[in-house]
Protein backbone atom coordinates (compact mmCIF):
# COMPACT_ATOMS: atom_id res chain seq x y z
CA GLY A 1 107.05 120.66 72.40
CA ASN A 2 108.66 117.40 71.51
CA PRO A 3 107.05 116.01 68.36
CA LEU A 4 108.19 112.50 69.33
CA ALA A 5 106.75 112.59 72.85
CA ARG A 6 104.24 109.95 73.71
CA VAL A 7 102.02 109.88 76.79
CA HIS A 8 100.25 107.06 78.55
CA ALA A 9 97.69 108.54 80.94
CA THR A 10 95.82 106.74 83.73
CA ASP A 11 93.09 107.69 86.11
CA PRO A 12 90.82 105.58 88.30
CA SER A 13 87.84 107.49 86.91
CA PRO A 14 86.50 106.15 83.56
CA THR A 15 84.89 109.57 83.05
CA ALA A 16 88.25 111.36 83.47
CA VAL A 17 89.94 108.96 81.04
CA ALA A 18 87.23 109.44 78.46
CA ASP A 19 87.40 113.24 78.86
CA THR A 20 91.19 113.20 78.46
CA VAL A 21 90.96 111.10 75.33
CA ARG A 22 88.28 113.40 73.88
CA ARG A 23 90.23 116.57 74.60
CA VAL A 24 93.49 115.18 73.15
CA GLU A 25 91.62 114.07 70.03
CA GLU A 26 90.10 117.59 69.68
CA ALA A 27 93.65 119.03 69.95
CA GLY A 28 94.85 116.74 67.19
CA PHE A 29 97.28 114.68 69.26
CA SER A 30 95.38 111.34 69.53
CA ASP A 31 98.27 109.50 67.79
CA ARG A 32 100.51 110.42 70.78
CA LEU A 33 98.23 109.33 73.63
CA THR A 34 97.11 106.05 75.15
CA ALA A 35 94.93 106.12 78.23
CA GLU A 36 93.29 103.67 80.60
CA VAL A 37 91.79 103.06 83.98
CA PRO A 38 94.63 101.26 85.78
CA PRO A 39 94.10 97.60 86.58
CA GLY A 40 94.16 98.16 90.35
CA LEU A 41 95.10 100.51 93.15
CA THR A 42 98.70 99.33 93.30
CA ARG A 43 99.41 99.04 89.53
CA PRO A 44 100.21 102.24 87.67
CA CYS A 45 99.21 100.76 84.30
CA SER A 46 98.51 97.54 82.47
CA PRO A 47 101.51 95.52 81.36
CA GLY A 48 103.12 96.45 78.08
CA HIS A 49 102.87 100.25 78.30
CA GLY A 50 106.26 100.89 79.93
CA PRO A 51 109.08 101.47 80.40
CA PHE A 52 108.84 105.24 80.61
CA ASP A 53 111.30 108.11 80.74
CA ALA A 54 109.14 109.86 83.32
CA VAL A 55 106.27 108.96 85.56
CA MET A 56 104.14 111.77 87.01
CA ALA A 57 101.83 111.09 89.92
CA LEU A 58 99.51 114.03 90.61
CA PHE A 59 97.36 113.78 93.71
CA THR A 60 97.44 110.03 93.29
CA LEU A 61 99.11 108.53 96.38
CA SER A 62 96.89 110.43 98.74
CA ALA A 63 93.81 108.66 97.36
CA ILE A 64 95.24 105.16 98.06
CA PRO A 65 94.16 103.72 101.44
CA GLY A 66 96.48 102.21 103.99
CA GLY A 67 100.07 101.39 103.06
CA ASP A 68 99.27 100.74 99.43
CA ASP A 69 100.56 104.22 98.53
CA ALA A 70 104.09 102.86 99.02
CA VAL A 71 103.28 99.77 96.87
CA LEU A 72 101.98 101.95 94.08
CA LEU A 73 104.94 104.32 94.18
CA SER A 74 107.38 101.40 94.10
CA ALA A 75 105.51 99.88 91.13
CA ALA A 76 105.56 103.24 89.32
CA ALA A 77 109.32 103.58 89.89
CA GLY A 78 109.67 100.04 88.51
CA GLU A 79 108.16 101.18 85.22
CA LEU A 80 110.99 103.70 84.64
CA ARG A 81 113.81 103.29 82.13
CA PRO A 82 117.33 103.65 83.58
CA GLY A 83 117.84 107.34 84.35
CA GLY A 84 114.09 107.95 84.34
CA VAL A 85 112.44 110.35 86.77
CA LEU A 86 109.38 110.07 89.01
CA LEU A 87 107.61 113.38 89.63
CA LEU A 88 105.29 113.57 92.63
CA ARG A 89 102.76 116.21 93.63
CA ASP A 90 100.35 115.41 96.38
CA CYS A 91 98.60 116.70 99.49
CA GLY A 92 100.84 118.20 102.18
CA LEU A 93 100.37 117.76 105.88
CA TYR A 94 98.57 120.84 107.26
CA ASP A 95 98.00 122.37 103.82
CA MET A 96 94.66 124.08 103.08
CA ARG A 97 93.00 120.85 101.92
CA HIS A 98 94.00 119.09 105.14
CA LEU A 99 92.69 121.94 107.26
CA ARG A 100 89.43 122.03 105.28
CA ASP A 101 88.93 118.28 105.57
CA ALA A 102 89.45 118.52 109.35
CA ALA A 103 87.05 121.49 109.63
CA ARG A 104 84.30 120.04 107.42
CA GLY A 105 83.86 116.81 109.30
CA ALA A 106 85.69 114.29 107.18
CA THR A 107 86.16 111.11 109.18
CA PRO A 108 89.74 110.78 110.53
CA VAL A 109 91.44 107.46 109.71
CA ASP A 110 94.60 108.46 111.51
CA THR A 111 96.41 111.78 112.19
CA ALA A 112 97.24 112.26 108.48
CA ALA A 113 94.36 110.62 106.65
CA PHE A 114 90.62 111.12 106.28
CA LEU A 115 87.67 109.39 104.72
CA ARG A 116 85.83 112.11 102.94
CA PRO A 117 82.06 112.25 102.27
CA GLY A 118 81.34 109.92 99.39
CA GLY A 119 84.02 107.45 100.56
CA MET A 120 87.10 109.06 98.97
CA HIS A 121 90.31 108.48 100.90
CA ARG A 122 92.76 111.34 101.32
CA ARG A 123 96.16 111.13 103.02
CA TYR A 124 98.39 114.11 103.81
CA TYR A 125 102.19 113.81 103.57
CA SER A 126 105.00 115.47 105.55
CA LEU A 127 108.35 115.88 103.86
CA ALA A 128 109.62 112.97 106.02
CA ASP A 129 106.77 110.84 104.69
CA VAL A 130 107.76 111.64 101.10
CA ASP A 131 111.42 110.86 101.88
CA ARG A 132 110.40 107.50 103.33
CA LEU A 133 108.21 106.64 100.35
CA GLY A 134 110.94 107.68 97.95
CA ALA A 135 113.59 105.63 99.70
CA GLY A 136 111.33 102.58 99.55
CA ALA A 137 110.67 103.03 95.84
């Protein structure tokens, strides 16, 4: 790996942030990681952490209700240095998670989004949705 690499990790779950920090400390890389619960659903991180060479959003946008997924993606893209990359991995329309949510009685919000038991929001994206979000970012 790159000995100069630095990572700023965020997660809306304080438990996940604490677990990440603990595991990175155990691996001996605590000097290369900062982590936080982001300041809100549409902010990728607190001010002062960017700019970044890369932003990776893993199953993040799908958990954001309404149109705020586009706001978050645009804010994340705004944290990039010139030439930086934004990597996105999220729930696909009609993938296995989508079919399971539909079969298990999650409450439909619209044709591509559900409110799951416990109140978690999950949206499913088509390739056209991802293209639209990317163009807006």
